[in-house]
Amino acid sequence: GLDYKAHFINLMENQQKEDWFLQINPNGRIPAIIDHDLND
């Protein structure tokens, strides 16, 4: 029951390998989360 926002990552376009996503997951895979309640 936690509030969340899902973000679609287009794997066919390799969005998971883009710099912005690699800052979340350096392995370039899904899933990944950012907990905004805990300093992102």
ModelCIF file with pLDDT and N, C-alpha, C, O atoms, coordinates in Angstrom:
data_MODEL
#
_entry.id   MODEL 
#
_entity.id                         1 
_entity.type                       polymer 
_entity.pdbx_number_of_molecules   1 
#
_entity_poly.entity_id                      1 
_entity_poly.type                           'polypeptide(L)' 
_entity_poly.nstd_linkage                   no 
_entity_poly.nstd_monomer                   no 
_entity_poly.pdbx_seq_one_letter_code       GLDYKAHFINLMENQQKEDWFLQINPNGRIPAIIDHDLND 
_entity_poly.pdbx_seq_one_letter_code_can   GLDYKAHFINLMENQQKEDWFLQINPNGRIPAIIDHDLND 
_entity_poly.pdbx_strand_id                 A 
#
loop_
_entity_poly_seq.entity_id 
_entity_poly_seq.num 
_entity_poly_seq.mon_id 
_entity_poly_seq.hetero 
1 1  GLY n 
1 2  LEU n 
1 3  ASP n 
1 4  TYR n 
1 5  LYS n 
1 6  ALA n 
1 7  HIS n 
1 8  PHE n 
1 9  ILE n 
1 10 ASN n 
1 11 LEU n 
1 12 MET n 
1 13 GLU n 
1 14 ASN n 
1 15 GLN n 
1 16 GLN n 
1 17 LYS n 
1 18 GLU n 
1 19 ASP n 
1 20 TRP n 
1 21 PHE n 
1 22 LEU n 
1 23 GLN n 
1 24 ILE n 
1 25 ASN n 
1 26 PRO n 
1 27 ASN n 
1 28 GLY n 
1 29 ARG n 
1 30 ILE n 
1 31 PRO n 
1 32 ALA n 
1 33 ILE n 
1 34 ILE n 
1 35 ASP n 
1 36 HIS n 
1 37 ASP n 
1 38 LEU n 
1 39 ASN n 
1 40 ASP n 
#
_struct_asym.id          A 
_struct_asym.entity_id   1 
#
loop_
_ma_qa_metric.id 
_ma_qa_metric.mode 
_ma_qa_metric.name 
_ma_qa_metric.software_group_id 
_ma_qa_metric.type 
1 global pLDDT . pLDDT 
2 local  pLDDT . pLDDT 
#
_ma_qa_metric_global.metric_id      1 
_ma_qa_metric_global.metric_value   94.58 
_ma_qa_metric_global.model_id       1 
_ma_qa_metric_global.ordinal_id     1 
#
loop_
_ma_qa_metric_local.label_asym_id 
_ma_qa_metric_local.label_comp_id 
_ma_qa_metric_local.label_seq_id 
_ma_qa_metric_local.metric_id 
_ma_qa_metric_local.metric_value 
_ma_qa_metric_local.model_id 
_ma_qa_metric_local.ordinal_id 
A GLY 1  2 95.00 1 1  
A LEU 2  2 94.00 1 2  
A ASP 3  2 94.00 1 3  
A TYR 4  2 93.00 1 4  
A LYS 5  2 91.00 1 5  
A ALA 6  2 89.00 1 6  
A HIS 7  2 88.00 1 7  
A PHE 8  2 86.00 1 8  
A ILE 9  2 89.00 1 9  
A ASN 10 2 88.00 1 10 
A LEU 11 2 86.00 1 11 
A MET 12 2 87.00 1 12 
A GLU 13 2 94.00 1 13 
A ASN 14 2 95.00 1 14 
A GLN 15 2 95.00 1 15 
A GLN 16 2 96.00 1 16 
A LYS 17 2 97.00 1 17 
A GLU 18 2 97.00 1 18 
A ASP 19 2 98.00 1 19 
A TRP 20 2 96.00 1 20 
A PHE 21 2 97.00 1 21 
A LEU 22 2 98.00 1 22 
A GLN 23 2 97.00 1 23 
A ILE 24 2 97.00 1 24 
A ASN 25 2 98.00 1 25 
A PRO 26 2 98.00 1 26 
A ASN 27 2 97.00 1 27 
A GLY 28 2 97.00 1 28 
A ARG 29 2 96.00 1 29 
A ILE 30 2 94.00 1 30 
A PRO 31 2 95.00 1 31 
A ALA 32 2 97.00 1 32 
A ILE 33 2 97.00 1 33 
A ILE 34 2 98.00 1 34 
A ASP 35 2 98.00 1 35 
A HIS 36 2 96.00 1 36 
A ASP 37 2 95.00 1 37 
A LEU 38 2 96.00 1 38 
A ASN 39 2 97.00 1 39 
A ASP 40 2 97.00 1 40 
#
loop_
_atom_site.group_PDB 
_atom_site.id 
_atom_site.type_symbol 
_atom_site.label_atom_id 
_atom_site.label_alt_id 
_atom_site.label_comp_id 
_atom_site.label_asym_id 
_atom_site.label_entity_id 
_atom_site.label_seq_id 
_atom_site.pdbx_PDB_ins_code 
_atom_site.Cartn_x 
_atom_site.Cartn_y 
_atom_site.Cartn_z 
_atom_site.occupancy 
_atom_site.B_iso_or_equiv 
_atom_site.pdbx_formal_charge 
_atom_site.auth_seq_id 
_atom_site.auth_comp_id 
_atom_site.auth_asym_id 
_atom_site.auth_atom_id 
_atom_site.pdbx_PDB_model_num 
ATOM 1   N N  . GLY A 1 1  ? 0.766  -1.234 0.000   1.00 95.00 ? 1  GLY A N  1 
ATOM 2   C CA . GLY A 1 1  ? 0.000  0.000  0.000   1.00 95.00 ? 1  GLY A CA 1 
ATOM 3   C C  . GLY A 1 1  ? 0.798  1.287  0.000   1.00 95.00 ? 1  GLY A C  1 
ATOM 4   O O  . GLY A 1 1  ? 0.263  2.339  0.349   1.00 95.00 ? 1  GLY A O  1 
ATOM 5   N N  . LEU A 1 2  ? 2.066  1.233  -0.382  1.00 94.00 ? 2  LEU A N  1 
ATOM 6   C CA . LEU A 1 2  ? 2.854  2.466  -0.480  1.00 94.00 ? 2  LEU A CA 1 
ATOM 7   C C  . LEU A 1 2  ? 2.522  3.182  -1.790  1.00 94.00 ? 2  LEU A C  1 
ATOM 8   O O  . LEU A 1 2  ? 2.292  2.544  -2.816  1.00 94.00 ? 2  LEU A O  1 
ATOM 9   N N  . ASP A 1 3  ? 2.501  4.506  -1.740  1.00 94.00 ? 3  ASP A N  1 
ATOM 10  C CA . ASP A 1 3  ? 2.322  5.280  -2.967  1.00 94.00 ? 3  ASP A CA 1 
ATOM 11  C C  . ASP A 1 3  ? 3.568  5.113  -3.830  1.00 94.00 ? 3  ASP A C  1 
ATOM 12  O O  . ASP A 1 3  ? 4.689  5.079  -3.323  1.00 94.00 ? 3  ASP A O  1 
ATOM 13  N N  . TYR A 1 4  ? 3.357  5.010  -5.128  1.00 93.00 ? 4  TYR A N  1 
ATOM 14  C CA . TYR A 1 4  ? 4.480  4.892  -6.043  1.00 93.00 ? 4  TYR A CA 1 
ATOM 15  C C  . TYR A 1 4  ? 4.070  5.366  -7.417  1.00 93.00 ? 4  TYR A C  1 
ATOM 16  O O  . TYR A 1 4  ? 2.886  5.489  -7.729  1.00 93.00 ? 4  TYR A O  1 
ATOM 17  N N  . LYS A 1 5  ? 5.076  5.630  -8.232  1.00 91.00 ? 5  LYS A N  1 
ATOM 18  C CA . LYS A 1 5  ? 4.851  5.968  -9.625  1.00 91.00 ? 5  LYS A CA 1 
ATOM 19  C C  . LYS A 1 5  ? 5.695  5.013  -10.449 1.00 91.00 ? 5  LYS A C  1 
ATOM 20  O O  . LYS A 1 5  ? 6.914  4.945  -10.286 1.00 91.00 ? 5  LYS A O  1 
ATOM 21  N N  . ALA A 1 6  ? 5.035  4.274  -11.339 1.00 89.00 ? 6  ALA A N  1 
ATOM 22  C CA . ALA A 1 6  ? 5.745  3.336  -12.209 1.00 89.00 ? 6  ALA A CA 1 
ATOM 23  C C  . ALA A 1 6  ? 6.236  4.068  -13.451 1.00 89.00 ? 6  ALA A C  1 
ATOM 24  O O  . ALA A 1 6  ? 5.525  4.899  -14.017 1.00 89.00 ? 6  ALA A O  1 
ATOM 25  N N  . HIS A 1 7  ? 7.445  3.755  -13.866 1.00 88.00 ? 7  HIS A N  1 
ATOM 26  C CA . HIS A 1 7  ? 8.026  4.345  -15.068 1.00 88.00 ? 7  HIS A CA 1 
ATOM 27  C C  . HIS A 1 7  ? 8.300  3.224  -16.066 1.00 88.00 ? 7  HIS A C  1 
ATOM 28  O O  . HIS A 1 7  ? 8.986  2.253  -15.746 1.00 88.00 ? 7  HIS A O  1 
ATOM 29  N N  . PHE A 1 8  ? 7.774  3.359  -17.248 1.00 86.00 ? 8  PHE A N  1 
ATOM 30  C CA . PHE A 1 8  ? 7.991  2.360  -18.293 1.00 86.00 ? 8  PHE A CA 1 
ATOM 31  C C  . PHE A 1 8  ? 9.385  2.536  -18.879 1.00 86.00 ? 8  PHE A C  1 
ATOM 32  O O  . PHE A 1 8  ? 9.761  3.635  -19.284 1.00 86.00 ? 8  PHE A O  1 
ATOM 33  N N  . ILE A 1 9  ? 10.137 1.464  -18.921 1.00 89.00 ? 9  ILE A N  1 
ATOM 34  C CA . ILE A 1 9  ? 11.468 1.457  -19.521 1.00 89.00 ? 9  ILE A CA 1 
ATOM 35  C C  . ILE A 1 9  ? 11.387 0.601  -20.783 1.00 89.00 ? 9  ILE A C  1 
ATOM 36  O O  . ILE A 1 9  ? 11.079 -0.589 -20.711 1.00 89.00 ? 9  ILE A O  1 
ATOM 37  N N  . ASN A 1 10 ? 11.658 1.198  -21.922 1.00 88.00 ? 10 ASN A N  1 
ATOM 38  C CA . ASN A 1 10 ? 11.587 0.474  -23.187 1.00 88.00 ? 10 ASN A CA 1 
ATOM 39  C C  . ASN A 1 10 ? 12.897 -0.286 -23.394 1.00 88.00 ? 10 ASN A C  1 
ATOM 40  O O  . ASN A 1 10 ? 13.908 0.288  -23.798 1.00 88.00 ? 10 ASN A O  1 
ATOM 41  N N  . LEU A 1 11 ? 12.858 -1.580 -23.109 1.00 86.00 ? 11 LEU A N  1 
ATOM 42  C CA . LEU A 1 11 ? 14.057 -2.414 -23.214 1.00 86.00 ? 11 LEU A CA 1 
ATOM 43  C C  . LEU A 1 11 ? 14.503 -2.576 -24.659 1.00 86.00 ? 11 LEU A C  1 
ATOM 44  O O  . LEU A 1 11 ? 15.695 -2.714 -24.933 1.00 86.00 ? 11 LEU A O  1 
ATOM 45  N N  . MET A 1 12 ? 13.554 -2.559 -25.580 1.00 87.00 ? 12 MET A N  1 
ATOM 46  C CA . MET A 1 12 ? 13.901 -2.723 -26.996 1.00 87.00 ? 12 MET A CA 1 
ATOM 47  C C  . MET A 1 12 ? 14.686 -1.511 -27.521 1.00 87.00 ? 12 MET A C  1 
ATOM 48  O O  . MET A 1 12 ? 15.452 -1.625 -28.478 1.00 87.00 ? 12 MET A O  1 
ATOM 49  N N  . GLU A 1 13 ? 14.484 -0.360 -26.886 1.00 94.00 ? 13 GLU A N  1 
ATOM 50  C CA . GLU A 1 13 ? 15.236 0.836  -27.268 1.00 94.00 ? 13 GLU A CA 1 
ATOM 51  C C  . GLU A 1 13 ? 16.433 1.075  -26.343 1.00 94.00 ? 13 GLU A C  1 
ATOM 52  O O  . GLU A 1 13 ? 17.088 2.114  -26.416 1.00 94.00 ? 13 GLU A O  1 
ATOM 53  N N  . ASN A 1 14 ? 16.708 0.102  -25.474 1.00 95.00 ? 14 ASN A N  1 
ATOM 54  C CA . ASN A 1 14 ? 17.851 0.157  -24.552 1.00 95.00 ? 14 ASN A CA 1 
ATOM 55  C C  . ASN A 1 14 ? 17.829 1.356  -23.615 1.00 95.00 ? 14 ASN A C  1 
ATOM 56  O O  . ASN A 1 14 ? 18.880 1.903  -23.281 1.00 95.00 ? 14 ASN A O  1 
ATOM 57  N N  . GLN A 1 15 ? 16.635 1.767  -23.188 1.00 95.00 ? 15 GLN A N  1 
ATOM 58  C CA . GLN A 1 15 ? 16.551 2.869  -22.237 1.00 95.00 ? 15 GLN A CA 1 
ATOM 59  C C  . GLN A 1 15 ? 17.251 2.522  -20.922 1.00 95.00 ? 15 GLN A C  1 
ATOM 60  O O  . GLN A 1 15 ? 17.736 3.413  -20.225 1.00 95.00 ? 15 GLN A O  1 
ATOM 61  N N  . GLN A 1 16 ? 17.307 1.241  -20.585 1.00 96.00 ? 16 GLN A N  1 
ATOM 62  C CA . GLN A 1 16 ? 17.956 0.814  -19.355 1.00 96.00 ? 16 GLN A CA 1 
ATOM 63  C C  . GLN A 1 16 ? 19.476 0.989  -19.416 1.00 96.00 ? 16 GLN A C  1 
ATOM 64  O O  . GLN A 1 16 ? 20.158 0.831  -18.403 1.00 96.00 ? 16 GLN A O  1 
ATOM 65  N N  . LYS A 1 17 ? 20.003 1.311  -20.587 1.00 97.00 ? 17 LYS A N  1 
ATOM 66  C CA . LYS A 1 17 ? 21.445 1.530  -20.760 1.00 97.00 ? 17 LYS A CA 1 
ATOM 67  C C  . LYS A 1 17 ? 21.789 3.016  -20.881 1.00 97.00 ? 17 LYS A C  1 
ATOM 68  O O  . LYS A 1 17 ? 22.955 3.381  -21.034 1.00 97.00 ? 17 LYS A O  1 
ATOM 69  N N  . GLU A 1 18 ? 20.762 3.865  -20.812 1.00 97.00 ? 18 GLU A N  1 
ATOM 70  C CA . GLU A 1 18 ? 21.008 5.301  -20.902 1.00 97.00 ? 18 GLU A CA 1 
ATOM 71  C C  . GLU A 1 18 ? 21.612 5.808  -19.588 1.00 97.00 ? 18 GLU A C  1 
ATOM 72  O O  . GLU A 1 18 ? 21.381 5.238  -18.522 1.00 97.00 ? 18 GLU A O  1 
ATOM 73  N N  . ASP A 1 19 ? 22.386 6.886  -19.689 1.00 98.00 ? 19 ASP A N  1 
ATOM 74  C CA . ASP A 1 19 ? 23.116 7.423  -18.535 1.00 98.00 ? 19 ASP A CA 1 
ATOM 75  C C  . ASP A 1 19 ? 22.211 7.686  -17.339 1.00 98.00 ? 19 ASP A C  1 
ATOM 76  O O  . ASP A 1 19 ? 22.574 7.363  -16.208 1.00 98.00 ? 19 ASP A O  1 
ATOM 77  N N  . TRP A 1 20 ? 21.031 8.272  -17.574 1.00 96.00 ? 20 TRP A N  1 
ATOM 78  C CA . TRP A 1 20 ? 20.142 8.610  -16.465 1.00 96.00 ? 20 TRP A CA 1 
ATOM 79  C C  . TRP A 1 20 ? 19.726 7.361  -15.695 1.00 96.00 ? 20 TRP A C  1 
ATOM 80  O O  . TRP A 1 20 ? 19.608 7.398  -14.470 1.00 96.00 ? 20 TRP A O  1 
ATOM 81  N N  . PHE A 1 21 ? 19.501 6.240  -16.418 1.00 97.00 ? 21 PHE A N  1 
ATOM 82  C CA . PHE A 1 21 ? 19.089 5.019  -15.725 1.00 97.00 ? 21 PHE A CA 1 
ATOM 83  C C  . PHE A 1 21 ? 20.286 4.339  -15.075 1.00 97.00 ? 21 PHE A C  1 
ATOM 84  O O  . PHE A 1 21 ? 20.146 3.757  -14.000 1.00 97.00 ? 21 PHE A O  1 
ATOM 85  N N  . LEU A 1 22 ? 21.450 4.395  -15.693 1.00 98.00 ? 22 LEU A N  1 
ATOM 86  C CA . LEU A 1 22 ? 22.650 3.781  -15.114 1.00 98.00 ? 22 LEU A CA 1 
ATOM 87  C C  . LEU A 1 22 ? 23.040 4.452  -13.794 1.00 98.00 ? 22 LEU A C  1 
ATOM 88  O O  . LEU A 1 22 ? 23.755 3.857  -12.987 1.00 98.00 ? 22 LEU A O  1 
ATOM 89  N N  . GLN A 1 23 ? 22.581 5.671  -13.572 1.00 97.00 ? 23 GLN A N  1 
ATOM 90  C CA . GLN A 1 23 ? 22.799 6.321  -12.280 1.00 97.00 ? 23 GLN A CA 1 
ATOM 91  C C  . GLN A 1 23 ? 21.921 5.693  -11.194 1.00 97.00 ? 23 GLN A C  1 
ATOM 92  O O  . GLN A 1 23 ? 22.234 5.789  -10.007 1.00 97.00 ? 23 GLN A O  1 
ATOM 93  N N  . ILE A 1 24 ? 20.840 5.061  -11.593 1.00 97.00 ? 24 ILE A N  1 
ATOM 94  C CA . ILE A 1 24 ? 19.971 4.350  -10.655 1.00 97.00 ? 24 ILE A CA 1 
ATOM 95  C C  . ILE A 1 24 ? 20.452 2.913  -10.507 1.00 97.00 ? 24 ILE A C  1 
ATOM 96  O O  . ILE A 1 24 ? 20.578 2.403  -9.393  1.00 97.00 ? 24 ILE A O  1 
ATOM 97  N N  . ASN A 1 25 ? 20.721 2.263  -11.638 1.00 98.00 ? 25 ASN A N  1 
ATOM 98  C CA . ASN A 1 25 ? 21.230 0.896  -11.628 1.00 98.00 ? 25 ASN A CA 1 
ATOM 99  C C  . ASN A 1 25 ? 22.405 0.797  -12.590 1.00 98.00 ? 25 ASN A C  1 
ATOM 100 O O  . ASN A 1 25 ? 22.206 0.727  -13.803 1.00 98.00 ? 25 ASN A O  1 
ATOM 101 N N  . PRO A 1 26 ? 23.624 0.790  -12.065 1.00 98.00 ? 26 PRO A N  1 
ATOM 102 C CA . PRO A 1 26 ? 24.799 0.723  -12.938 1.00 98.00 ? 26 PRO A CA 1 
ATOM 103 C C  . PRO A 1 26 ? 24.874 -0.558 -13.770 1.00 98.00 ? 26 PRO A C  1 
ATOM 104 O O  . PRO A 1 26 ? 25.644 -0.630 -14.727 1.00 98.00 ? 26 PRO A O  1 
ATOM 105 N N  . ASN A 1 27 ? 24.079 -1.564 -13.410 1.00 97.00 ? 27 ASN A N  1 
ATOM 106 C CA . ASN A 1 27 ? 24.041 -2.802 -14.180 1.00 97.00 ? 27 ASN A CA 1 
ATOM 107 C C  . ASN A 1 27 ? 23.103 -2.689 -15.385 1.00 97.00 ? 27 ASN A C  1 
ATOM 108 O O  . ASN A 1 27 ? 23.081 -3.579 -16.236 1.00 97.00 ? 27 ASN A O  1 
ATOM 109 N N  . GLY A 1 28 ? 22.337 -1.614 -15.461 1.00 97.00 ? 28 GLY A N  1 
ATOM 110 C CA . GLY A 1 28 ? 21.479 -1.391 -16.619 1.00 97.00 ? 28 GLY A CA 1 
ATOM 111 C C  . GLY A 1 28 ? 20.387 -2.415 -16.790 1.00 97.00 ? 28 GLY A C  1 
ATOM 112 O O  . GLY A 1 28 ? 20.104 -2.850 -17.906 1.00 97.00 ? 28 GLY A O  1 
ATOM 113 N N  . ARG A 1 29 ? 19.767 -2.804 -15.684 1.00 96.00 ? 29 ARG A N  1 
ATOM 114 C CA . ARG A 1 29 ? 18.689 -3.802 -15.709 1.00 96.00 ? 29 ARG A CA 1 
ATOM 115 C C  . ARG A 1 29 ? 17.506 -3.279 -14.907 1.00 96.00 ? 29 ARG A C  1 
ATOM 116 O O  . ARG A 1 29 ? 17.638 -2.363 -14.096 1.00 96.00 ? 29 ARG A O  1 
ATOM 117 N N  . ILE A 1 30 ? 16.352 -3.879 -15.150 1.00 94.00 ? 30 ILE A N  1 
ATOM 118 C CA . ILE A 1 30 ? 15.176 -3.577 -14.334 1.00 94.00 ? 30 ILE A CA 1 
ATOM 119 C C  . ILE A 1 30 ? 14.917 -4.784 -13.441 1.00 94.00 ? 30 ILE A C  1 
ATOM 120 O O  . ILE A 1 30 ? 15.300 -5.900 -13.792 1.00 94.00 ? 30 ILE A O  1 
ATOM 121 N N  . PRO A 1 31 ? 14.277 -4.583 -12.299 1.00 95.00 ? 31 PRO A N  1 
ATOM 122 C CA . PRO A 1 31 ? 13.708 -3.353 -11.754 1.00 95.00 ? 31 PRO A CA 1 
ATOM 123 C C  . PRO A 1 31 ? 14.734 -2.551 -10.956 1.00 95.00 ? 31 PRO A C  1 
ATOM 124 O O  . PRO A 1 31 ? 15.815 -3.023 -10.604 1.00 95.00 ? 31 PRO A O  1 
ATOM 125 N N  . ALA A 1 32 ? 14.331 -1.324 -10.699 1.00 97.00 ? 32 ALA A N  1 
ATOM 126 C CA . ALA A 1 32 ? 15.085 -0.439 -9.814  1.00 97.00 ? 32 ALA A CA 1 
ATOM 127 C C  . ALA A 1 32 ? 14.079 0.518  -9.191  1.00 97.00 ? 32 ALA A C  1 
ATOM 128 O O  . ALA A 1 32 ? 13.041 0.813  -9.784  1.00 97.00 ? 32 ALA A O  1 
ATOM 129 N N  . ILE A 1 33 ? 14.389 0.998  -8.000  1.00 97.00 ? 33 ILE A N  1 
ATOM 130 C CA . ILE A 1 33 ? 13.495 1.946  -7.335  1.00 97.00 ? 33 ILE A CA 1 
ATOM 131 C C  . ILE A 1 33 ? 14.300 3.123  -6.790  1.00 97.00 ? 33 ILE A C  1 
ATOM 132 O O  . ILE A 1 33 ? 15.507 3.036  -6.565  1.00 97.00 ? 33 ILE A O  1 
ATOM 133 N N  . ILE A 1 34 ? 13.587 4.214  -6.589  1.00 98.00 ? 34 ILE A N  1 
ATOM 134 C CA . ILE A 1 34 ? 14.121 5.366  -5.859  1.00 98.00 ? 34 ILE A CA 1 
ATOM 135 C C  . ILE A 1 34 ? 13.135 5.639  -4.741  1.00 98.00 ? 34 ILE A C  1 
ATOM 136 O O  . ILE A 1 34 ? 11.952 5.877  -4.987  1.00 98.00 ? 34 ILE A O  1 
ATOM 137 N N  . ASP A 1 35 ? 13.631 5.604  -3.500  1.00 98.00 ? 35 ASP A N  1 
ATOM 138 C CA . ASP A 1 35 ? 12.786 5.901  -2.350  1.00 98.00 ? 35 ASP A CA 1 
ATOM 139 C C  . ASP A 1 35 ? 12.959 7.381  -2.015  1.00 98.00 ? 35 ASP A C  1 
ATOM 140 O O  . ASP A 1 35 ? 13.954 7.785  -1.413  1.00 98.00 ? 35 ASP A O  1 
ATOM 141 N N  . HIS A 1 36 ? 11.975 8.175  -2.418  1.00 96.00 ? 36 HIS A N  1 
ATOM 142 C CA . HIS A 1 36 ? 12.048 9.621  -2.188  1.00 96.00 ? 36 HIS A CA 1 
ATOM 143 C C  . HIS A 1 36 ? 11.872 9.969  -0.711  1.00 96.00 ? 36 HIS A C  1 
ATOM 144 O O  . HIS A 1 36 ? 12.233 11.066 -0.286  1.00 96.00 ? 36 HIS A O  1 
ATOM 145 N N  . ASP A 1 37 ? 11.317 9.035  0.078   1.00 95.00 ? 37 ASP A N  1 
ATOM 146 C CA . ASP A 1 37 ? 11.173 9.250  1.522   1.00 95.00 ? 37 ASP A CA 1 
ATOM 147 C C  . ASP A 1 37 ? 12.516 9.162  2.246   1.00 95.00 ? 37 ASP A C  1 
ATOM 148 O O  . ASP A 1 37 ? 12.636 9.602  3.389   1.00 95.00 ? 37 ASP A O  1 
ATOM 149 N N  . LEU A 1 38 ? 13.512 8.601  1.592   1.00 96.00 ? 38 LEU A N  1 
ATOM 150 C CA . LEU A 1 38 ? 14.818 8.390  2.215   1.00 96.00 ? 38 LEU A CA 1 
ATOM 151 C C  . LEU A 1 38 ? 15.909 9.036  1.350   1.00 96.00 ? 38 LEU A C  1 
ATOM 152 O O  . LEU A 1 38 ? 16.818 8.360  0.870   1.00 96.00 ? 38 LEU A O  1 
ATOM 153 N N  . ASN A 1 39 ? 15.801 10.344 1.164   1.00 97.00 ? 39 ASN A N  1 
ATOM 154 C CA . ASN A 1 39 ? 16.814 11.105 0.429   1.00 97.00 ? 39 ASN A CA 1 
ATOM 155 C C  . ASN A 1 39 ? 17.125 10.521 -0.949  1.00 97.00 ? 39 ASN A C  1 
ATOM 156 O O  . ASN A 1 39 ? 18.286 10.439 -1.351  1.00 97.00 ? 39 ASN A O  1 
ATOM 157 N N  . ASP A 1 40 ? 16.079 10.119 -1.662  1.00 97.00 ? 40 ASP A N  1 
ATOM 158 C CA . ASP A 1 40 ? 16.216 9.556  -3.015  1.00 97.00 ? 40 ASP A CA 1 
ATOM 159 C C  . ASP A 1 40 ? 17.151 8.333  -3.043  1.00 97.00 ? 40 ASP A C  1 
ATOM 160 O O  . ASP A 1 40 ? 17.370 7.747  -4.104  1.00 97.00 ? 40 ASP A O  1 
#
